[in-house]
Amino acid sequence: MSDSEFDLVVIGSGPGGYVGAIRAAQLGLKTAVVEREHLGGICLNWGCIPTKALLRTADIYRNIQHAAGFGIKVDGSSVDLEATVKRSRQVAAQLSGGVSGLLKKNKVTVINGHGKLAGKGKVEVDDRAKSR
């Protein structure tokens, strides 16, 4: 990464990182976010959000299995695991895209790479890290 001047550089674009960066930009700071993989962080891309999408599918399936108790007949239900996982990934991708749009709208610079502190007022970015 070339030398750039920012008022604030946030390392990581999880829920705290991207929200903090957006607020700083709204307050007039020239702001950047350094993210090594996908905007939104672990929770949005691999943890909370995809897990909730999978749990919702399980909940729907369980309701179908107990539908007869509500007077509803359902024959031949099954789970398509590949489609279930695909949906959870699509939900995560859509929300990550939303984070990207919010950062862009608020004029926050996104830097792809692995960021680390490199002395007073300096952040070093290894841009060979995975990128989105």
N, C-alpha and C. Protein backbone atom coordinates (compact mmCIF):
# COMPACT_ATOMS: atom_id res chain seq x y z
N MET A 1 0.84 -1.18 0.00
CA MET A 1 0.00 0.00 0.00
C MET A 1 0.88 1.23 0.00
N SER A 2 0.53 2.21 -0.79
CA SER A 2 1.29 3.45 -0.81
C SER A 2 0.95 4.29 0.41
N ASP A 3 1.82 5.25 0.72
CA ASP A 3 1.55 6.14 1.84
C ASP A 3 0.33 6.99 1.54
N SER A 4 -0.62 6.95 2.44
CA SER A 4 -1.83 7.75 2.33
C SER A 4 -2.07 8.42 3.66
N GLU A 5 -2.74 9.53 3.62
CA GLU A 5 -3.00 10.29 4.84
C GLU A 5 -4.49 10.19 5.19
N PHE A 6 -4.76 9.65 6.36
CA PHE A 6 -6.13 9.55 6.87
C PHE A 6 -6.16 10.10 8.28
N ASP A 7 -7.31 10.62 8.67
CA ASP A 7 -7.49 11.05 10.06
C ASP A 7 -7.69 9.83 10.95
N LEU A 8 -8.35 8.79 10.39
CA LEU A 8 -8.64 7.58 11.14
C LEU A 8 -8.57 6.37 10.22
N VAL A 9 -7.87 5.33 10.68
CA VAL A 9 -7.84 4.06 9.97
C VAL A 9 -8.36 2.99 10.92
N VAL A 10 -9.41 2.30 10.50
CA VAL A 10 -10.00 1.24 11.29
C VAL A 10 -9.53 -0.09 10.71
N ILE A 11 -8.99 -0.94 11.57
CA ILE A 11 -8.55 -2.26 11.13
C ILE A 11 -9.66 -3.25 11.46
N GLY A 12 -10.26 -3.79 10.42
CA GLY A 12 -11.35 -4.74 10.58
C GLY A 12 -12.70 -4.09 10.34
N SER A 13 -13.53 -4.76 9.55
CA SER A 13 -14.82 -4.17 9.19
C SER A 13 -15.99 -4.92 9.80
N GLY A 14 -15.78 -5.47 11.00
CA GLY A 14 -16.89 -6.10 11.71
C GLY A 14 -17.88 -5.04 12.15
N PRO A 15 -18.89 -5.43 12.93
CA PRO A 15 -19.93 -4.50 13.33
C PRO A 15 -19.41 -3.23 14.02
N GLY A 16 -18.39 -3.35 14.84
CA GLY A 16 -17.81 -2.17 15.48
C GLY A 16 -16.98 -1.35 14.51
N GLY A 17 -16.25 -2.02 13.64
CA GLY A 17 -15.35 -1.34 12.72
C GLY A 17 -16.06 -0.51 11.67
N TYR A 18 -17.01 -1.11 10.96
CA TYR A 18 -17.64 -0.35 9.89
C TYR A 18 -18.55 0.74 10.43
N VAL A 19 -19.23 0.48 11.56
CA VAL A 19 -20.09 1.51 12.14
C VAL A 19 -19.25 2.68 12.64
N GLY A 20 -18.15 2.38 13.31
CA GLY A 20 -17.25 3.43 13.79
C GLY A 20 -16.66 4.25 12.65
N ALA A 21 -16.27 3.57 11.59
CA ALA A 21 -15.70 4.27 10.43
C ALA A 21 -16.73 5.19 9.78
N ILE A 22 -17.95 4.71 9.64
CA ILE A 22 -19.01 5.53 9.04
C ILE A 22 -19.27 6.76 9.90
N ARG A 23 -19.36 6.56 11.20
CA ARG A 23 -19.63 7.71 12.09
C ARG A 23 -18.49 8.71 12.02
N ALA A 24 -17.27 8.25 12.01
CA ALA A 24 -16.12 9.15 11.91
C ALA A 24 -16.19 9.96 10.62
N ALA A 25 -16.52 9.29 9.51
CA ALA A 25 -16.64 9.98 8.23
C ALA A 25 -17.78 11.00 8.27
N GLN A 26 -18.88 10.66 8.91
CA GLN A 26 -20.00 11.60 9.04
C GLN A 26 -19.61 12.83 9.84
N LEU A 27 -18.67 12.65 10.75
CA LEU A 27 -18.18 13.78 11.56
C LEU A 27 -17.08 14.56 10.86
N GLY A 28 -16.76 14.18 9.62
CA GLY A 28 -15.81 14.95 8.83
C GLY A 28 -14.39 14.43 8.78
N LEU A 29 -14.13 13.27 9.38
CA LEU A 29 -12.78 12.71 9.34
C LEU A 29 -12.56 11.95 8.04
N LYS A 30 -11.38 12.09 7.46
CA LYS A 30 -11.00 11.28 6.30
C LYS A 30 -10.68 9.89 6.85
N THR A 31 -11.51 8.91 6.48
CA THR A 31 -11.50 7.62 7.15
C THR A 31 -11.28 6.47 6.17
N ALA A 32 -10.57 5.46 6.65
CA ALA A 32 -10.35 4.23 5.87
C ALA A 32 -10.64 3.02 6.76
N VAL A 33 -11.05 1.94 6.12
CA VAL A 33 -11.20 0.64 6.78
C VAL A 33 -10.28 -0.33 6.07
N VAL A 34 -9.50 -1.07 6.85
CA VAL A 34 -8.64 -2.12 6.29
C VAL A 34 -9.31 -3.45 6.60
N GLU A 35 -9.57 -4.23 5.56
CA GLU A 35 -10.23 -5.53 5.73
C GLU A 35 -9.49 -6.57 4.92
N ARG A 36 -9.14 -7.69 5.54
CA ARG A 36 -8.35 -8.70 4.83
C ARG A 36 -9.20 -9.67 4.03
N GLU A 37 -10.50 -9.75 4.34
CA GLU A 37 -11.28 -10.73 3.60
C GLU A 37 -12.61 -10.16 3.12
N HIS A 38 -13.68 -10.23 3.92
CA HIS A 38 -15.00 -9.79 3.48
C HIS A 38 -15.54 -8.72 4.41
N LEU A 39 -16.10 -7.67 3.84
CA LEU A 39 -16.68 -6.61 4.65
C LEU A 39 -17.80 -7.16 5.53
N GLY A 40 -17.82 -6.72 6.76
CA GLY A 40 -18.82 -7.19 7.72
C GLY A 40 -18.24 -8.07 8.80
N GLY A 41 -17.04 -8.59 8.57
CA GLY A 41 -16.36 -9.37 9.60
C GLY A 41 -16.88 -10.80 9.76
N ILE A 42 -16.41 -11.43 10.82
CA ILE A 42 -16.72 -12.83 11.10
C ILE A 42 -18.21 -13.04 11.33
N CYS A 43 -18.82 -12.20 12.14
CA CYS A 43 -20.24 -12.38 12.48
C CYS A 43 -21.11 -12.40 11.22
N LEU A 44 -20.93 -11.43 10.38
CA LEU A 44 -21.78 -11.33 9.19
C LEU A 44 -21.49 -12.42 8.18
N ASN A 45 -20.25 -12.78 7.99
CA ASN A 45 -19.87 -13.68 6.90
C ASN A 45 -19.80 -15.16 7.26
N TRP A 46 -19.45 -15.49 8.49
CA TRP A 46 -19.26 -16.91 8.85
C TRP A 46 -19.94 -17.31 10.15
N GLY A 47 -20.27 -16.37 10.99
CA GLY A 47 -20.80 -16.70 12.31
C GLY A 47 -22.29 -16.48 12.44
N CYS A 48 -22.65 -15.39 13.07
CA CYS A 48 -24.04 -15.13 13.47
C CYS A 48 -25.03 -15.19 12.32
N ILE A 49 -24.79 -14.47 11.27
CA ILE A 49 -25.78 -14.33 10.20
C ILE A 49 -25.98 -15.63 9.42
N PRO A 50 -24.94 -16.27 8.91
CA PRO A 50 -25.17 -17.55 8.23
C PRO A 50 -25.79 -18.60 9.15
N THR A 51 -25.38 -18.60 10.43
CA THR A 51 -25.94 -19.54 11.38
C THR A 51 -27.44 -19.32 11.56
N LYS A 52 -27.84 -18.06 11.68
CA LYS A 52 -29.26 -17.75 11.82
C LYS A 52 -30.04 -18.16 10.57
N ALA A 53 -29.45 -18.01 9.40
CA ALA A 53 -30.12 -18.45 8.17
C ALA A 53 -30.31 -19.96 8.18
N LEU A 54 -29.30 -20.70 8.63
CA LEU A 54 -29.41 -22.16 8.72
C LEU A 54 -30.44 -22.57 9.77
N LEU A 55 -30.44 -21.88 10.90
CA LEU A 55 -31.41 -22.19 11.95
C LEU A 55 -32.84 -21.91 11.50
N ARG A 56 -33.02 -20.87 10.70
CA ARG A 56 -34.36 -20.56 10.20
C ARG A 56 -34.86 -21.69 9.30
N THR A 57 -33.99 -22.22 8.47
CA THR A 57 -34.37 -23.36 7.63
C THR A 57 -34.76 -24.55 8.49
N ALA A 58 -33.98 -24.84 9.54
CA ALA A 58 -34.29 -25.95 10.44
C ALA A 58 -35.63 -25.72 11.14
N ASP A 59 -35.90 -24.48 11.52
CA ASP A 59 -37.16 -24.15 12.17
C ASP A 59 -38.35 -24.38 11.24
N ILE A 60 -38.21 -23.95 9.99
CA ILE A 60 -39.27 -24.17 9.01
C ILE A 60 -39.50 -25.68 8.80
N TYR A 61 -38.42 -26.43 8.68
CA TYR A 61 -38.55 -27.87 8.48
C TYR A 61 -39.24 -28.53 9.68
N ARG A 62 -38.85 -28.12 10.88
CA ARG A 62 -39.49 -28.66 12.08
C ARG A 62 -40.99 -28.35 12.08
N ASN A 63 -41.36 -27.14 11.70
CA ASN A 63 -42.77 -26.78 11.63
C ASN A 63 -43.52 -27.65 10.62
N ILE A 64 -42.87 -27.92 9.50
CA ILE A 64 -43.49 -28.80 8.49
C ILE A 64 -43.70 -30.20 9.09
N GLN A 65 -42.71 -30.69 9.83
CA GLN A 65 -42.82 -32.03 10.43
C GLN A 65 -43.97 -32.12 11.43
N HIS A 66 -44.33 -30.99 12.05
CA HIS A 66 -45.40 -30.97 13.05
C HIS A 66 -46.67 -30.29 12.53
N ALA A 67 -46.76 -30.12 11.23
CA ALA A 67 -47.91 -29.42 10.63
C ALA A 67 -49.23 -30.15 10.88
N ALA A 68 -49.19 -31.47 10.94
CA ALA A 68 -50.42 -32.24 11.14
C ALA A 68 -51.14 -31.84 12.43
N GLY A 69 -50.40 -31.47 13.43
CA GLY A 69 -50.99 -31.02 14.69
C GLY A 69 -51.81 -29.74 14.52
N PHE A 70 -51.59 -29.04 13.41
CA PHE A 70 -52.33 -27.82 13.11
C PHE A 70 -53.37 -28.05 12.02
N GLY A 71 -53.54 -29.31 11.65
CA GLY A 71 -54.51 -29.64 10.61
C GLY A 71 -54.00 -29.45 9.20
N ILE A 72 -52.69 -29.44 9.03
CA ILE A 72 -52.09 -29.26 7.71
C ILE A 72 -51.38 -30.54 7.32
N LYS A 73 -51.72 -31.08 6.15
CA LYS A 73 -51.06 -32.29 5.66
C LYS A 73 -49.92 -31.89 4.74
N VAL A 74 -48.75 -32.42 5.03
CA VAL A 74 -47.58 -32.19 4.19
C VAL A 74 -46.98 -33.56 3.87
N ASP A 75 -46.91 -33.89 2.59
CA ASP A 75 -46.36 -35.17 2.18
C ASP A 75 -45.01 -34.98 1.50
N GLY A 76 -44.08 -35.85 1.83
CA GLY A 76 -42.81 -35.90 1.11
C GLY A 76 -41.87 -34.73 1.32
N SER A 77 -41.80 -34.17 2.50
CA SER A 77 -40.86 -33.08 2.73
C SER A 77 -39.45 -33.62 2.98
N SER A 78 -38.47 -32.87 2.54
CA SER A 78 -37.08 -33.24 2.78
C SER A 78 -36.23 -31.97 2.76
N VAL A 79 -35.00 -32.10 3.19
CA VAL A 79 -34.08 -30.96 3.23
C VAL A 79 -33.04 -31.13 2.13
N ASP A 80 -32.83 -30.08 1.36
CA ASP A 80 -31.78 -30.03 0.36
C ASP A 80 -30.63 -29.26 0.98
N LEU A 81 -29.66 -29.98 1.52
CA LEU A 81 -28.57 -29.35 2.27
C LEU A 81 -27.79 -28.37 1.41
N GLU A 82 -27.52 -28.73 0.16
CA GLU A 82 -26.78 -27.83 -0.72
C GLU A 82 -27.52 -26.50 -0.91
N ALA A 83 -28.82 -26.56 -1.13
CA ALA A 83 -29.61 -25.34 -1.30
C ALA A 83 -29.69 -24.54 0.00
N THR A 84 -29.74 -25.24 1.12
CA THR A 84 -29.79 -24.58 2.43
C THR A 84 -28.51 -23.78 2.68
N VAL A 85 -27.37 -24.41 2.41
CA VAL A 85 -26.08 -23.73 2.60
C VAL A 85 -25.94 -22.58 1.60
N LYS A 86 -26.36 -22.81 0.36
CA LYS A 86 -26.31 -21.76 -0.66
C LYS A 86 -27.10 -20.53 -0.22
N ARG A 87 -28.28 -20.75 0.33
CA ARG A 87 -29.10 -19.63 0.80
C ARG A 87 -28.39 -18.88 1.92
N SER A 88 -27.78 -19.59 2.86
CA SER A 88 -27.09 -18.91 3.97
C SER A 88 -25.93 -18.07 3.45
N ARG A 89 -25.23 -18.55 2.43
CA ARG A 89 -24.13 -17.78 1.83
C ARG A 89 -24.66 -16.56 1.08
N GLN A 90 -25.83 -16.71 0.42
CA GLN A 90 -26.43 -15.58 -0.29
C GLN A 90 -26.86 -14.48 0.68
N VAL A 91 -27.42 -14.88 1.82
CA VAL A 91 -27.82 -13.90 2.83
C VAL A 91 -26.58 -13.13 3.30
N ALA A 92 -25.51 -13.84 3.60
CA ALA A 92 -24.27 -13.19 4.06
C ALA A 92 -23.72 -12.26 2.98
N ALA A 93 -23.71 -12.71 1.74
CA ALA A 93 -23.18 -11.89 0.63
C ALA A 93 -24.01 -10.62 0.44
N GLN A 94 -25.32 -10.75 0.56
CA GLN A 94 -26.18 -9.58 0.41
C GLN A 94 -25.91 -8.55 1.50
N LEU A 95 -25.77 -9.02 2.74
CA LEU A 95 -25.51 -8.09 3.83
C LEU A 95 -24.11 -7.48 3.73
N SER A 96 -23.13 -8.27 3.30
CA SER A 96 -21.78 -7.74 3.10
C SER A 96 -21.80 -6.65 2.02
N GLY A 97 -22.57 -6.88 0.97
CA GLY A 97 -22.73 -5.87 -0.07
C GLY A 97 -23.37 -4.60 0.47
N GLY A 98 -24.29 -4.77 1.42
CA GLY A 98 -24.90 -3.61 2.06
C GLY A 98 -23.90 -2.80 2.85
N VAL A 99 -22.99 -3.48 3.55
CA VAL A 99 -21.93 -2.80 4.28
C VAL A 99 -21.05 -2.02 3.31
N SER A 100 -20.72 -2.65 2.18
CA SER A 100 -19.92 -1.98 1.16
C SER A 100 -20.61 -0.71 0.67
N GLY A 101 -21.91 -0.81 0.43
CA GLY A 101 -22.66 0.36 -0.02
C GLY A 101 -22.69 1.47 1.00
N LEU A 102 -22.84 1.11 2.28
CA LEU A 102 -22.84 2.12 3.34
C LEU A 102 -21.50 2.83 3.44
N LEU A 103 -20.41 2.05 3.33
CA LEU A 103 -19.08 2.65 3.40
C LEU A 103 -18.87 3.60 2.22
N LYS A 104 -19.27 3.17 1.04
CA LYS A 104 -19.12 4.00 -0.16
C LYS A 104 -19.95 5.28 -0.04
N LYS A 105 -21.19 5.13 0.38
CA LYS A 105 -22.10 6.28 0.53
C LYS A 105 -21.52 7.32 1.48
N ASN A 106 -20.83 6.84 2.52
CA ASN A 106 -20.27 7.74 3.53
C ASN A 106 -18.81 8.12 3.25
N LYS A 107 -18.33 7.78 2.06
CA LYS A 107 -16.99 8.15 1.59
C LYS A 107 -15.87 7.61 2.48
N VAL A 108 -16.05 6.36 2.93
CA VAL A 108 -15.00 5.67 3.68
C VAL A 108 -14.20 4.85 2.67
N THR A 109 -12.89 5.03 2.67
CA THR A 109 -12.01 4.27 1.78
C THR A 109 -11.85 2.86 2.31
N VAL A 110 -12.03 1.87 1.45
CA VAL A 110 -11.83 0.47 1.84
C VAL A 110 -10.50 0.01 1.26
N ILE A 111 -9.65 -0.50 2.14
CA ILE A 111 -8.33 -0.99 1.74
C ILE A 111 -8.31 -2.50 1.99
N ASN A 112 -8.09 -3.26 0.94
CA ASN A 112 -8.04 -4.72 1.06
C ASN A 112 -6.66 -5.15 1.51
N GLY A 113 -6.61 -5.91 2.60
CA GLY A 113 -5.35 -6.42 3.09
C GLY A 113 -5.39 -6.64 4.58
N HIS A 114 -4.29 -7.10 5.11
CA HIS A 114 -4.14 -7.37 6.54
C HIS A 114 -3.45 -6.17 7.18
N GLY A 115 -4.17 -5.48 8.05
CA GLY A 115 -3.61 -4.28 8.68
C GLY A 115 -3.01 -4.56 10.04
N LYS A 116 -1.96 -3.81 10.35
CA LYS A 116 -1.38 -3.88 11.70
C LYS A 116 -0.75 -2.55 12.03
N LEU A 117 -0.69 -2.26 13.33
CA LEU A 117 -0.07 -1.02 13.79
C LEU A 117 1.43 -1.09 13.52
N ALA A 118 1.98 0.03 13.04
CA ALA A 118 3.40 0.06 12.67
C ALA A 118 4.09 1.28 13.25
N GLY A 119 3.75 1.62 14.47
CA GLY A 119 4.34 2.78 15.12
C GLY A 119 3.31 3.88 15.27
N LYS A 120 3.72 4.94 15.95
CA LYS A 120 2.82 6.04 16.24
C LYS A 120 2.24 6.65 14.96
N GLY A 121 0.93 6.59 14.85
CA GLY A 121 0.25 7.19 13.71
C GLY A 121 0.42 6.45 12.40
N LYS A 122 0.87 5.19 12.45
CA LYS A 122 1.11 4.44 11.21
C LYS A 122 0.41 3.08 11.25
N VAL A 123 -0.15 2.71 10.11
CA VAL A 123 -0.75 1.40 9.92
C VAL A 123 -0.09 0.79 8.70
N GLU A 124 0.35 -0.44 8.83
CA GLU A 124 0.96 -1.17 7.71
C GLU A 124 -0.07 -2.15 7.17
N VAL A 125 -0.17 -2.24 5.85
CA VAL A 125 -1.12 -3.14 5.24
C VAL A 125 -0.39 -4.09 4.30
N ASP A 126 -0.57 -5.38 4.57
CA ASP A 126 -0.07 -6.41 3.66
C ASP A 126 -1.20 -6.72 2.71
N ASP A 127 -1.10 -6.22 1.48
CA ASP A 127 -2.18 -6.38 0.52
C ASP A 127 -2.12 -7.73 -0.22
N ARG A 128 -1.24 -8.61 0.22
CA ARG A 128 -1.20 -9.96 -0.35
C ARG A 128 -2.19 -10.87 0.35
N ALA A 129 -2.85 -10.35 1.40
CA ALA A 129 -3.84 -11.16 2.11
C ALA A 129 -5.03 -11.43 1.21
N LYS A 130 -5.89 -12.34 1.64
CA LYS A 130 -7.11 -12.63 0.87
C LYS A 130 -7.90 -11.35 0.68
N SER A 131 -8.52 -11.23 -0.48
CA SER A 131 -9.36 -10.06 -0.71
C SER A 131 -10.72 -10.52 -1.19
N ARG A 132 -11.69 -9.61 -1.13
CA ARG A 132 -13.05 -9.96 -1.51
C ARG A 132 -13.24 -9.99 -2.99
